[in-house]
Amino acid sequence: MQLYNGCSEEYKRRHSEIWTELSRLLKRCGIRDYAIYLDEDSHVLFASFKILNEKELEILPSLDIMKKWWEHMADIMVTNEDNSPVIKPLTEMFFQP
């Protein structure tokens, strides 16, 4: 994902005030250890989390609360036409449990 220049503090503020309903939904879907990191030079965001059931993850984009969150964030980050963040899958180069 990628932020617009100058929006990192606002992004951080909005996530520090994440909606209770959305936070509960993520937990119900089995998302754990969710972290988002920022490369301050490129404004690229990297999200990492553990998921108990990938099928649960697939339903999130269809839910109203998720769509509302994307709309809430669309003014500060690069998005698709439906306001979902533009994401690029990464290739794992190394992992050690």
PDB file of N, CA and C in Angstrom:
ATOM      1  N   MET A   1       0.862  -1.164   0.000  1.00  0.00           N
ATOM      2  CA  MET A   1       0.000   0.000   0.000  1.00  0.00           C
ATOM      3  C   MET A   1       0.909   1.228   0.000  1.00  0.00           C
ATOM      4  N   GLN A   2       0.339   2.389  -0.329  1.00  0.00           N
ATOM      5  CA  GLN A   2       1.159   3.593  -0.381  1.00  0.00           C
ATOM      6  C   GLN A   2       0.365   4.817   0.063  1.00  0.00           C
ATOM      7  N   LEU A   3       1.015   5.609   0.915  1.00  0.00           N
ATOM      8  CA  LEU A   3       0.428   6.862   1.379  1.00  0.00           C
ATOM      9  C   LEU A   3       0.778   7.989   0.428  1.00  0.00           C
ATOM     10  N   TYR A   4      -0.081   8.993   0.425  1.00  0.00           N
ATOM     11  CA  TYR A   4       0.280  10.228  -0.245  1.00  0.00           C
ATOM     12  C   TYR A   4       1.302  10.956   0.618  1.00  0.00           C
ATOM     13  N   ASN A   5       2.168  11.710  -0.023  1.00  0.00           N
ATOM     14  CA  ASN A   5       3.206  12.462   0.676  1.00  0.00           C
ATOM     15  C   ASN A   5       2.575  13.368   1.742  1.00  0.00           C
ATOM     16  N   GLY A   6       3.157  13.367   2.916  1.00  0.00           N
ATOM     17  CA  GLY A   6       2.697  14.215   3.996  1.00  0.00           C
ATOM     18  C   GLY A   6       1.521  13.676   4.796  1.00  0.00           C
ATOM     19  N   CYS A   7       1.124  12.434   4.566  1.00  0.00           N
ATOM     20  CA  CYS A   7      -0.067  11.888   5.233  1.00  0.00           C
ATOM     21  C   CYS A   7       0.252  10.847   6.314  1.00  0.00           C
ATOM     22  N   SER A   8       1.506  10.655   6.643  1.00  0.00           N
ATOM     23  CA  SER A   8       1.855   9.585   7.583  1.00  0.00           C
ATOM     24  C   SER A   8       1.296   9.828   8.989  1.00  0.00           C
ATOM     25  N   GLU A   9       1.343  11.057   9.457  1.00  0.00           N
ATOM     26  CA  GLU A   9       0.819  11.334  10.803  1.00  0.00           C
ATOM     27  C   GLU A   9      -0.694  11.134  10.855  1.00  0.00           C
ATOM     28  N   GLU A  10      -1.385  11.541   9.795  1.00  0.00           N
ATOM     29  CA  GLU A  10      -2.837  11.356   9.750  1.00  0.00           C
ATOM     30  C   GLU A  10      -3.191   9.870   9.680  1.00  0.00           C
ATOM     31  N   TYR A  11      -2.435   9.118   8.900  1.00  0.00           N
ATOM     32  CA  TYR A  11      -2.654   7.676   8.806  1.00  0.00           C
ATOM     33  C   TYR A  11      -2.492   7.035  10.187  1.00  0.00           C
ATOM     34  N   LYS A  12      -1.424   7.405  10.869  1.00  0.00           N
ATOM     35  CA  LYS A  12      -1.164   6.858  12.203  1.00  0.00           C
ATOM     36  C   LYS A  12      -2.274   7.254  13.181  1.00  0.00           C
ATOM     37  N   ARG A  13      -2.721   8.511  13.097  1.00  0.00           N
ATOM     38  CA  ARG A  13      -3.783   8.981  13.992  1.00  0.00           C
ATOM     39  C   ARG A  13      -5.071   8.190  13.762  1.00  0.00           C
ATOM     40  N   ARG A  14      -5.448   8.002  12.497  1.00  0.00           N
ATOM     41  CA  ARG A  14      -6.686   7.281  12.206  1.00  0.00           C
ATOM     42  C   ARG A  14      -6.616   5.837  12.688  1.00  0.00           C
ATOM     43  N   HIS A  15      -5.469   5.225  12.558  1.00  0.00           N
ATOM     44  CA  HIS A  15      -5.349   3.845  13.036  1.00  0.00           C
ATOM     45  C   HIS A  15      -5.303   3.768  14.562  1.00  0.00           C
ATOM     46  N   SER A  16      -4.822   4.810  15.207  1.00  0.00           N
ATOM     47  CA  SER A  16      -4.845   4.807  16.676  1.00  0.00           C
ATOM     48  C   SER A  16      -6.270   4.942  17.190  1.00  0.00           C
ATOM     49  N   GLU A  17      -7.179   5.392  16.309  1.00  0.00           N
ATOM     50  CA  GLU A  17      -8.589   5.544  16.650  1.00  0.00           C
ATOM     51  C   GLU A  17      -9.449   4.577  15.833  1.00  0.00           C
ATOM     52  N   ILE A  18      -8.886   3.405  15.509  1.00  0.00           N
ATOM     53  CA  ILE A  18      -9.621   2.439  14.680  1.00  0.00           C
ATOM     54  C   ILE A  18     -10.980   2.162  15.302  1.00  0.00           C
ATOM     55  N   TRP A  19     -11.980   2.060  14.460  1.00  0.00           N
ATOM     56  CA  TRP A  19     -13.339   1.852  14.941  1.00  0.00           C
ATOM     57  C   TRP A  19     -13.441   0.524  15.670  1.00  0.00           C
ATOM     58  N   THR A  20     -14.103   0.538  16.807  1.00  0.00           N
ATOM     59  CA  THR A  20     -14.281  -0.663  17.624  1.00  0.00           C
ATOM     60  C   THR A  20     -14.915  -1.784  16.815  1.00  0.00           C
ATOM     61  N   GLU A  21     -15.929  -1.457  16.029  1.00  0.00           N
ATOM     62  CA  GLU A  21     -16.621  -2.462  15.220  1.00  0.00           C
ATOM     63  C   GLU A  21     -15.660  -3.136  14.242  1.00  0.00           C
ATOM     64  N   LEU A  22     -14.777  -2.356  13.636  1.00  0.00           N
ATOM     65  CA  LEU A  22     -13.818  -2.914  12.687  1.00  0.00           C
ATOM     66  C   LEU A  22     -12.772  -3.763  13.410  1.00  0.00           C
ATOM     67  N   SER A  23     -12.289  -3.298  14.517  1.00  0.00           N
ATOM     68  CA  SER A  23     -11.309  -4.049  15.298  1.00  0.00           C
ATOM     69  C   SER A  23     -11.876  -5.406  15.732  1.00  0.00           C
ATOM     70  N   ARG A  24     -13.108  -5.406  16.182  1.00  0.00           N
ATOM     71  CA  ARG A  24     -13.763  -6.664  16.589  1.00  0.00           C
ATOM     72  C   ARG A  24     -13.924  -7.609  15.398  1.00  0.00           C
ATOM     73  N   LEU A  25     -14.285  -7.046  14.247  1.00  0.00           N
ATOM     74  CA  LEU A  25     -14.453  -7.858  13.045  1.00  0.00           C
ATOM     75  C   LEU A  25     -13.140  -8.543  12.661  1.00  0.00           C
ATOM     76  N   LEU A  26     -12.051  -7.808  12.682  1.00  0.00           N
ATOM     77  CA  LEU A  26     -10.753  -8.391  12.342  1.00  0.00           C
ATOM     78  C   LEU A  26     -10.411  -9.543  13.278  1.00  0.00           C
ATOM     79  N   LYS A  27     -10.685  -9.359  14.552  1.00  0.00           N
ATOM     80  CA  LYS A  27     -10.425 -10.434  15.520  1.00  0.00           C
ATOM     81  C   LYS A  27     -11.330 -11.638  15.277  1.00  0.00           C
ATOM     82  N   ARG A  28     -12.617 -11.374  14.988  1.00  0.00           N
ATOM     83  CA  ARG A  28     -13.556 -12.472  14.700  1.00  0.00           C
ATOM     84  C   ARG A  28     -13.127 -13.252  13.463  1.00  0.00           C
ATOM     85  N   CYS A  29     -12.518 -12.573  12.512  1.00  0.00           N
ATOM     86  CA  CYS A  29     -12.058 -13.235  11.282  1.00  0.00           C
ATOM     87  C   CYS A  29     -10.744 -13.983  11.499  1.00  0.00           C
ATOM     88  N   GLY A  30     -10.194 -13.917  12.699  1.00  0.00           N
ATOM     89  CA  GLY A  30      -8.986 -14.668  13.008  1.00  0.00           C
ATOM     90  C   GLY A  30      -7.691 -13.952  12.698  1.00  0.00           C
ATOM     91  N   ILE A  31      -7.752 -12.647  12.499  1.00  0.00           N
ATOM     92  CA  ILE A  31      -6.533 -11.879  12.230  1.00  0.00           C
ATOM     93  C   ILE A  31      -5.848 -11.580  13.562  1.00  0.00           C
ATOM     94  N   ARG A  32      -4.580 -11.935  13.640  1.00  0.00           N
ATOM     95  CA  ARG A  32      -3.794 -11.748  14.857  1.00  0.00           C
ATOM     96  C   ARG A  32      -2.450 -11.106  14.511  1.00  0.00           C
ATOM     97  N   ASP A  33      -1.849 -10.475  15.490  1.00  0.00           N
ATOM     98  CA  ASP A  33      -0.508  -9.880  15.342  1.00  0.00           C
ATOM     99  C   ASP A  33      -0.432  -8.977  14.109  1.00  0.00           C
ATOM    100  N   TYR A  34      -1.420  -8.122  13.933  1.00  0.00           N
ATOM    101  CA  TYR A  34      -1.510  -7.228  12.779  1.00  0.00           C
ATOM    102  C   TYR A  34      -0.605  -6.025  13.007  1.00  0.00           C
ATOM    103  N   ALA A  35       0.299  -5.790  12.089  1.00  0.00           N
ATOM    104  CA  ALA A  35       1.206  -4.638  12.166  1.00  0.00           C
ATOM    105  C   ALA A  35       1.312  -4.010  10.781  1.00  0.00           C
ATOM    106  N   ILE A  36       1.436  -2.690  10.756  1.00  0.00           N
ATOM    107  CA  ILE A  36       1.652  -1.965   9.500  1.00  0.00           C
ATOM    108  C   ILE A  36       2.899  -1.114   9.688  1.00  0.00           C
ATOM    109  N   TYR A  37       3.811  -1.215   8.737  1.00  0.00           N
ATOM    110  CA  TYR A  37       5.076  -0.492   8.786  1.00  0.00           C
ATOM    111  C   TYR A  37       5.141   0.501   7.632  1.00  0.00           C
ATOM    112  N   LEU A  38       5.850   1.595   7.832  1.00  0.00           N
ATOM    113  CA  LEU A  38       5.992   2.635   6.822  1.00  0.00           C
ATOM    114  C   LEU A  38       7.452   2.810   6.432  1.00  0.00           C
ATOM    115  N   ASP A  39       7.721   2.804   5.132  1.00  0.00           N
ATOM    116  CA  ASP A  39       9.019   3.235   4.615  1.00  0.00           C
ATOM    117  C   ASP A  39       8.870   4.733   4.373  1.00  0.00           C
ATOM    118  N   GLU A  40       9.466   5.536   5.216  1.00  0.00           N
ATOM    119  CA  GLU A  40       9.262   6.983   5.168  1.00  0.00           C
ATOM    120  C   GLU A  40       9.830   7.630   3.915  1.00  0.00           C
ATOM    121  N   ASP A  41      10.778   6.987   3.253  1.00  0.00           N
ATOM    122  CA  ASP A  41      11.330   7.557   2.018  1.00  0.00           C
ATOM    123  C   ASP A  41      10.386   7.394   0.834  1.00  0.00           C
ATOM    124  N   SER A  42       9.784   6.219   0.711  1.00  0.00           N
ATOM    125  CA  SER A  42       8.926   5.931  -0.446  1.00  0.00           C
ATOM    126  C   SER A  42       7.438   6.073  -0.136  1.00  0.00           C
ATOM    127  N   HIS A  43       7.068   6.193   1.148  1.00  0.00           N
ATOM    128  CA  HIS A  43       5.681   6.255   1.620  1.00  0.00           C
ATOM    129  C   HIS A  43       4.940   4.934   1.410  1.00  0.00           C
ATOM    130  N   VAL A  44       5.706   3.855   1.231  1.00  0.00           N
ATOM    131  CA  VAL A  44       5.124   2.529   1.066  1.00  0.00           C
ATOM    132  C   VAL A  44       4.800   1.948   2.443  1.00  0.00           C
ATOM    133  N   LEU A  45       3.612   1.349   2.544  1.00  0.00           N
ATOM    134  CA  LEU A  45       3.182   0.668   3.761  1.00  0.00           C
ATOM    135  C   LEU A  45       3.301  -0.835   3.553  1.00  0.00           C
ATOM    136  N   PHE A  46       3.751  -1.523   4.567  1.00  0.00           N
ATOM    137  CA  PHE A  46       3.844  -2.980   4.542  1.00  0.00           C
ATOM    138  C   PHE A  46       3.015  -3.505   5.703  1.00  0.00           C
ATOM    139  N   ALA A  47       2.023  -4.320   5.391  1.00  0.00           N
ATOM    140  CA  ALA A  47       1.165  -4.897   6.422  1.00  0.00           C
ATOM    141  C   ALA A  47       1.513  -6.360   6.630  1.00  0.00           C
ATOM    142  N   SER A  48       1.513  -6.770   7.882  1.00  0.00           N
ATOM    143  CA  SER A  48       1.822  -8.146   8.239  1.00  0.00           C
ATOM    144  C   SER A  48       0.854  -8.589   9.330  1.00  0.00           C
ATOM    145  N   PHE A  49       0.320  -9.796   9.164  1.00  0.00           N
ATOM    146  CA  PHE A  49      -0.551 -10.349  10.203  1.00  0.00           C
ATOM    147  C   PHE A  49      -0.599 -11.859  10.058  1.00  0.00           C
ATOM    148  N   LYS A  50      -1.066 -12.492  11.111  1.00  0.00           N
ATOM    149  CA  LYS A  50      -1.312 -13.930  11.085  1.00  0.00           C
ATOM    150  C   LYS A  50      -2.806 -14.126  10.911  1.00  0.00           C
ATOM    151  N   ILE A  51      -3.170 -15.136  10.145  1.00  0.00           N
ATOM    152  CA  ILE A  51      -4.579 -15.419   9.915  1.00  0.00           C
ATOM    153  C   ILE A  51      -4.837 -16.891  10.226  1.00  0.00           C
ATOM    154  N   LEU A  52      -5.884 -17.152  10.967  1.00  0.00           N
ATOM    155  CA  LEU A  52      -6.225 -18.516  11.337  1.00  0.00           C
ATOM    156  C   LEU A  52      -6.932 -19.251  10.209  1.00  0.00           C
ATOM    157  N   ASN A  53      -7.713 -18.507   9.393  1.00  0.00           N
ATOM    158  CA  ASN A  53      -8.488 -19.127   8.326  1.00  0.00           C
ATOM    159  C   ASN A  53      -8.540 -18.165   7.138  1.00  0.00           C
ATOM    160  N   GLU A  54      -7.853 -18.481   6.059  1.00  0.00           N
ATOM    161  CA  GLU A  54      -7.787 -17.582   4.910  1.00  0.00           C
ATOM    162  C   GLU A  54      -9.154 -17.341   4.274  1.00  0.00           C
ATOM    163  N   LYS A  55     -10.075 -18.259   4.397  1.00  0.00           N
ATOM    164  CA  LYS A  55     -11.430 -18.084   3.859  1.00  0.00           C
ATOM    165  C   LYS A  55     -12.109 -16.871   4.496  1.00  0.00           C
ATOM    166  N   GLU A  56     -11.862 -16.667   5.785  1.00  0.00           N
ATOM    167  CA  GLU A  56     -12.436 -15.518   6.490  1.00  0.00           C
ATOM    168  C   GLU A  56     -11.914 -14.210   5.902  1.00  0.00           C
ATOM    169  N   LEU A  57     -10.666 -14.192   5.524  1.00  0.00           N
ATOM    170  CA  LEU A  57     -10.041 -13.002   4.952  1.00  0.00           C
ATOM    171  C   LEU A  57     -10.702 -12.618   3.630  1.00  0.00           C
ATOM    172  N   GLU A  58     -11.141 -13.601   2.881  1.00  0.00           N
ATOM    173  CA  GLU A  58     -11.738 -13.362   1.567  1.00  0.00           C
ATOM    174  C   GLU A  58     -13.076 -12.623   1.638  1.00  0.00           C
ATOM    175  N   ILE A  59     -13.778 -12.702   2.771  1.00  0.00           N
ATOM    176  CA  ILE A  59     -15.082 -12.041   2.873  1.00  0.00           C
ATOM    177  C   ILE A  59     -14.975 -10.561   3.251  1.00  0.00           C
ATOM    178  N   LEU A  60     -13.865 -10.154   3.824  1.00  0.00           N
ATOM    179  CA  LEU A  60     -13.738  -8.778   4.311  1.00  0.00           C
ATOM    180  C   LEU A  60     -14.078  -7.717   3.266  1.00  0.00           C
ATOM    181  N   PRO A  61     -13.585  -7.807   2.021  1.00  0.00           N
ATOM    182  CA  PRO A  61     -13.881  -6.743   1.050  1.00  0.00           C
ATOM    183  C   PRO A  61     -15.365  -6.551   0.742  1.00  0.00           C
ATOM    184  N   SER A  62     -16.187  -7.536   1.013  1.00  0.00           N
ATOM    185  CA  SER A  62     -17.615  -7.432   0.711  1.00  0.00           C
ATOM    186  C   SER A  62     -18.420  -6.809   1.852  1.00  0.00           C
ATOM    187  N   LEU A  63     -17.813  -6.617   3.008  1.00  0.00           N
ATOM    188  CA  LEU A  63     -18.537  -6.130   4.181  1.00  0.00           C
ATOM    189  C   LEU A  63     -18.612  -4.604   4.209  1.00  0.00           C
ATOM    190  N   ASP A  64     -19.769  -4.087   4.621  1.00  0.00           N
ATOM    191  CA  ASP A  64     -19.999  -2.638   4.644  1.00  0.00           C
ATOM    192  C   ASP A  64     -18.981  -1.895   5.505  1.00  0.00           C
ATOM    193  N   ILE A  65     -18.658  -2.426   6.675  1.00  0.00           N
ATOM    194  CA  ILE A  65     -17.727  -1.727   7.565  1.00  0.00           C
ATOM    195  C   ILE A  65     -16.352  -1.594   6.913  1.00  0.00           C
ATOM    196  N   MET A  66     -15.943  -2.602   6.152  1.00  0.00           N
ATOM    197  CA  MET A  66     -14.655  -2.544   5.463  1.00  0.00           C
ATOM    198  C   MET A  66     -14.690  -1.472   4.375  1.00  0.00           C
ATOM    199  N   LYS A  67     -15.793  -1.420   3.636  1.00  0.00           N
ATOM    200  CA  LYS A  67     -15.955  -0.414   2.587  1.00  0.00           C
ATOM    201  C   LYS A  67     -15.962   0.999   3.179  1.00  0.00           C
ATOM    202  N   LYS A  68     -16.593   1.163   4.327  1.00  0.00           N
ATOM    203  CA  LYS A  68     -16.618   2.469   4.992  1.00  0.00           C
ATOM    204  C   LYS A  68     -15.214   2.872   5.452  1.00  0.00           C
ATOM    205  N   TRP A  69     -14.445   1.901   5.962  1.00  0.00           N
ATOM    206  CA  TRP A  69     -13.071   2.192   6.387  1.00  0.00           C
ATOM    207  C   TRP A  69     -12.241   2.615   5.184  1.00  0.00           C
ATOM    208  N   TRP A  70     -12.356   1.904   4.084  1.00  0.00           N
ATOM    209  CA  TRP A  70     -11.611   2.271   2.877  1.00  0.00           C
ATOM    210  C   TRP A  70     -11.970   3.683   2.430  1.00  0.00           C
ATOM    211  N   GLU A  71     -13.248   4.013   2.472  1.00  0.00           N
ATOM    212  CA  GLU A  71     -13.675   5.361   2.095  1.00  0.00           C
ATOM    213  C   GLU A  71     -13.061   6.394   3.037  1.00  0.00           C
ATOM    214  N   HIS A  72     -13.025   6.075   4.317  1.00  0.00           N
ATOM    215  CA  HIS A  72     -12.444   6.953   5.343  1.00  0.00           C
ATOM    216  C   HIS A  72     -10.950   7.198   5.091  1.00  0.00           C
ATOM    217  N   MET A  73     -10.269   6.214   4.531  1.00  0.00           N
ATOM    218  CA  MET A  73      -8.821   6.304   4.315  1.00  0.00           C
ATOM    219  C   MET A  73      -8.432   6.782   2.910  1.00  0.00           C
ATOM    220  N   ALA A  74      -9.384   6.830   1.981  1.00  0.00           N
ATOM    221  CA  ALA A  74      -9.086   7.066   0.564  1.00  0.00           C
ATOM    222  C   ALA A  74      -8.431   8.415   0.283  1.00  0.00           C
ATOM    223  N   ASP A  75      -8.635   9.405   1.129  1.00  0.00           N
ATOM    224  CA  ASP A  75      -8.062  10.722   0.852  1.00  0.00           C
ATOM    225  C   ASP A  75      -6.579  10.815   1.198  1.00  0.00           C
ATOM    226  N   ILE A  76      -6.029   9.802   1.868  1.00  0.00           N
ATOM    227  CA  ILE A  76      -4.624   9.885   2.264  1.00  0.00           C
ATOM    228  C   ILE A  76      -3.750   8.779   1.687  1.00  0.00           C
ATOM    229  N   MET A  77      -4.334   7.906   0.859  1.00  0.00           N
ATOM    230  CA  MET A  77      -3.538   6.821   0.294  1.00  0.00           C
ATOM    231  C   MET A  77      -3.997   6.452  -1.110  1.00  0.00           C
ATOM    232  N   VAL A  78      -3.130   5.791  -1.834  1.00  0.00           N
ATOM    233  CA  VAL A  78      -3.430   5.352  -3.189  1.00  0.00           C
ATOM    234  C   VAL A  78      -4.464   4.233  -3.117  1.00  0.00           C
ATOM    235  N   THR A  79      -5.555   4.402  -3.879  1.00  0.00           N
ATOM    236  CA  THR A  79      -6.654   3.429  -3.826  1.00  0.00           C
ATOM    237  C   THR A  79      -7.109   3.026  -5.226  1.00  0.00           C
ATOM    238  N   ASN A  80      -7.850   1.931  -5.255  1.00  0.00           N
ATOM    239  CA  ASN A  80      -8.533   1.496  -6.467  1.00  0.00           C
ATOM    240  C   ASN A  80      -9.832   2.284  -6.592  1.00  0.00           C
ATOM    241  N   GLU A  81     -10.565   2.071  -7.673  1.00  0.00           N
ATOM    242  CA  GLU A  81     -11.822   2.787  -7.898  1.00  0.00           C
ATOM    243  C   GLU A  81     -12.850   2.554  -6.799  1.00  0.00           C
ATOM    244  N   ASP A  82     -12.810   1.384  -6.152  1.00  0.00           N
ATOM    245  CA  ASP A  82     -13.760   1.076  -5.078  1.00  0.00           C
ATOM    246  C   ASP A  82     -13.260   1.539  -3.708  1.00  0.00           C
ATOM    247  N   ASN A  83     -12.195   2.339  -3.685  1.00  0.00           N
ATOM    248  CA  ASN A  83     -11.560   2.875  -2.466  1.00  0.00           C
ATOM    249  C   ASN A  83     -10.718   1.858  -1.713  1.00  0.00           C
ATOM    250  N   SER A  84     -10.663   0.609  -2.159  1.00  0.00           N
ATOM    251  CA  SER A  84      -9.774  -0.356  -1.509  1.00  0.00           C
ATOM    252  C   SER A  84      -8.334   0.063  -1.783  1.00  0.00           C
ATOM    253  N   PRO A  85      -7.434  -0.152  -0.837  1.00  0.00           N
ATOM    254  CA  PRO A  85      -6.053   0.252  -1.060  1.00  0.00           C
ATOM    255  C   PRO A  85      -5.407  -0.566  -2.180  1.00  0.00           C
ATOM    256  N   VAL A  86      -4.602   0.102  -2.967  1.00  0.00           N
ATOM    257  CA  VAL A  86      -3.827  -0.610  -3.982  1.00  0.00           C
ATOM    258  C   VAL A  86      -2.776  -1.418  -3.239  1.00  0.00           C
ATOM    259  N   ILE A  87      -2.774  -2.717  -3.459  1.00  0.00           N
ATOM    260  CA  ILE A  87      -1.803  -3.579  -2.799  1.00  0.00           C
ATOM    261  C   ILE A  87      -0.999  -4.336  -3.843  1.00  0.00           C
ATOM    262  N   LYS A  88       0.212  -4.676  -3.469  1.00  0.00           N
ATOM    263  CA  LYS A  88       1.073  -5.478  -4.323  1.00  0.00           C
ATOM    264  C   LYS A  88       1.553  -6.664  -3.503  1.00  0.00           C
ATOM    265  N   PRO A  89       1.242  -7.863  -3.946  1.00  0.00           N
ATOM    266  CA  PRO A  89       1.757  -9.035  -3.238  1.00  0.00           C
ATOM    267  C   PRO A  89       3.283  -9.052  -3.300  1.00  0.00           C
ATOM    268  N   LEU A  90       3.889  -9.476  -2.237  1.00  0.00           N
ATOM    269  CA  LEU A  90       5.345  -9.570  -2.164  1.00  0.00           C
ATOM    270  C   LEU A  90       5.782 -11.025  -2.265  1.00  0.00           C
ATOM    271  N   THR A  91       6.953 -11.223  -2.782  1.00  0.00           N
ATOM    272  CA  THR A  91       7.534 -12.554  -2.882  1.00  0.00           C
ATOM    273  C   THR A  91       8.392 -12.798  -1.649  1.00  0.00           C
ATOM    274  N   GLU A  92       8.091 -13.865  -0.928  1.00  0.00           N
ATOM    275  CA  GLU A  92       8.894 -14.191   0.247  1.00  0.00           C
ATOM    276  C   GLU A  92      10.293 -14.605  -0.187  1.00  0.00           C
ATOM    277  N   MET A  93      11.266 -13.968   0.396  1.00  0.00           N
ATOM    278  CA  MET A  93      12.659 -14.257   0.062  1.00  0.00           C
ATOM    279  C   MET A  93      13.374 -15.011   1.181  1.00  0.00           C
ATOM    280  N   PHE A  94      12.828 -14.934   2.388  1.00  0.00           N
ATOM    281  CA  PHE A  94      13.427 -15.623   3.515  1.00  0.00           C
ATOM    282  C   PHE A  94      12.411 -15.691   4.626  1.00  0.00           C
ATOM    283  N   PHE A  95      12.362 -16.819   5.320  1.00  0.00           N
ATOM    284  CA  PHE A  95      11.503 -16.975   6.501  1.00  0.00           C
ATOM    285  C   PHE A  95      12.173 -17.964   7.424  1.00  0.00           C
ATOM    286  N   GLN A  96      12.221 -17.618   8.696  1.00  0.00           N
ATOM    287  CA  GLN A  96      12.735 -18.539   9.698  1.00  0.00           C
ATOM    288  C   GLN A  96      11.804 -18.469  10.892  1.00  0.00           C
ATOM    289  N   PRO A  97      11.111 -19.569  11.179  1.00  0.00           N
ATOM    290  CA  PRO A  97      10.192 -19.572  12.325  1.00  0.00           C
ATOM    291  C   PRO A  97      10.926 -19.593  13.654  1.00  0.00           C
TER     292      PRO A  97
END
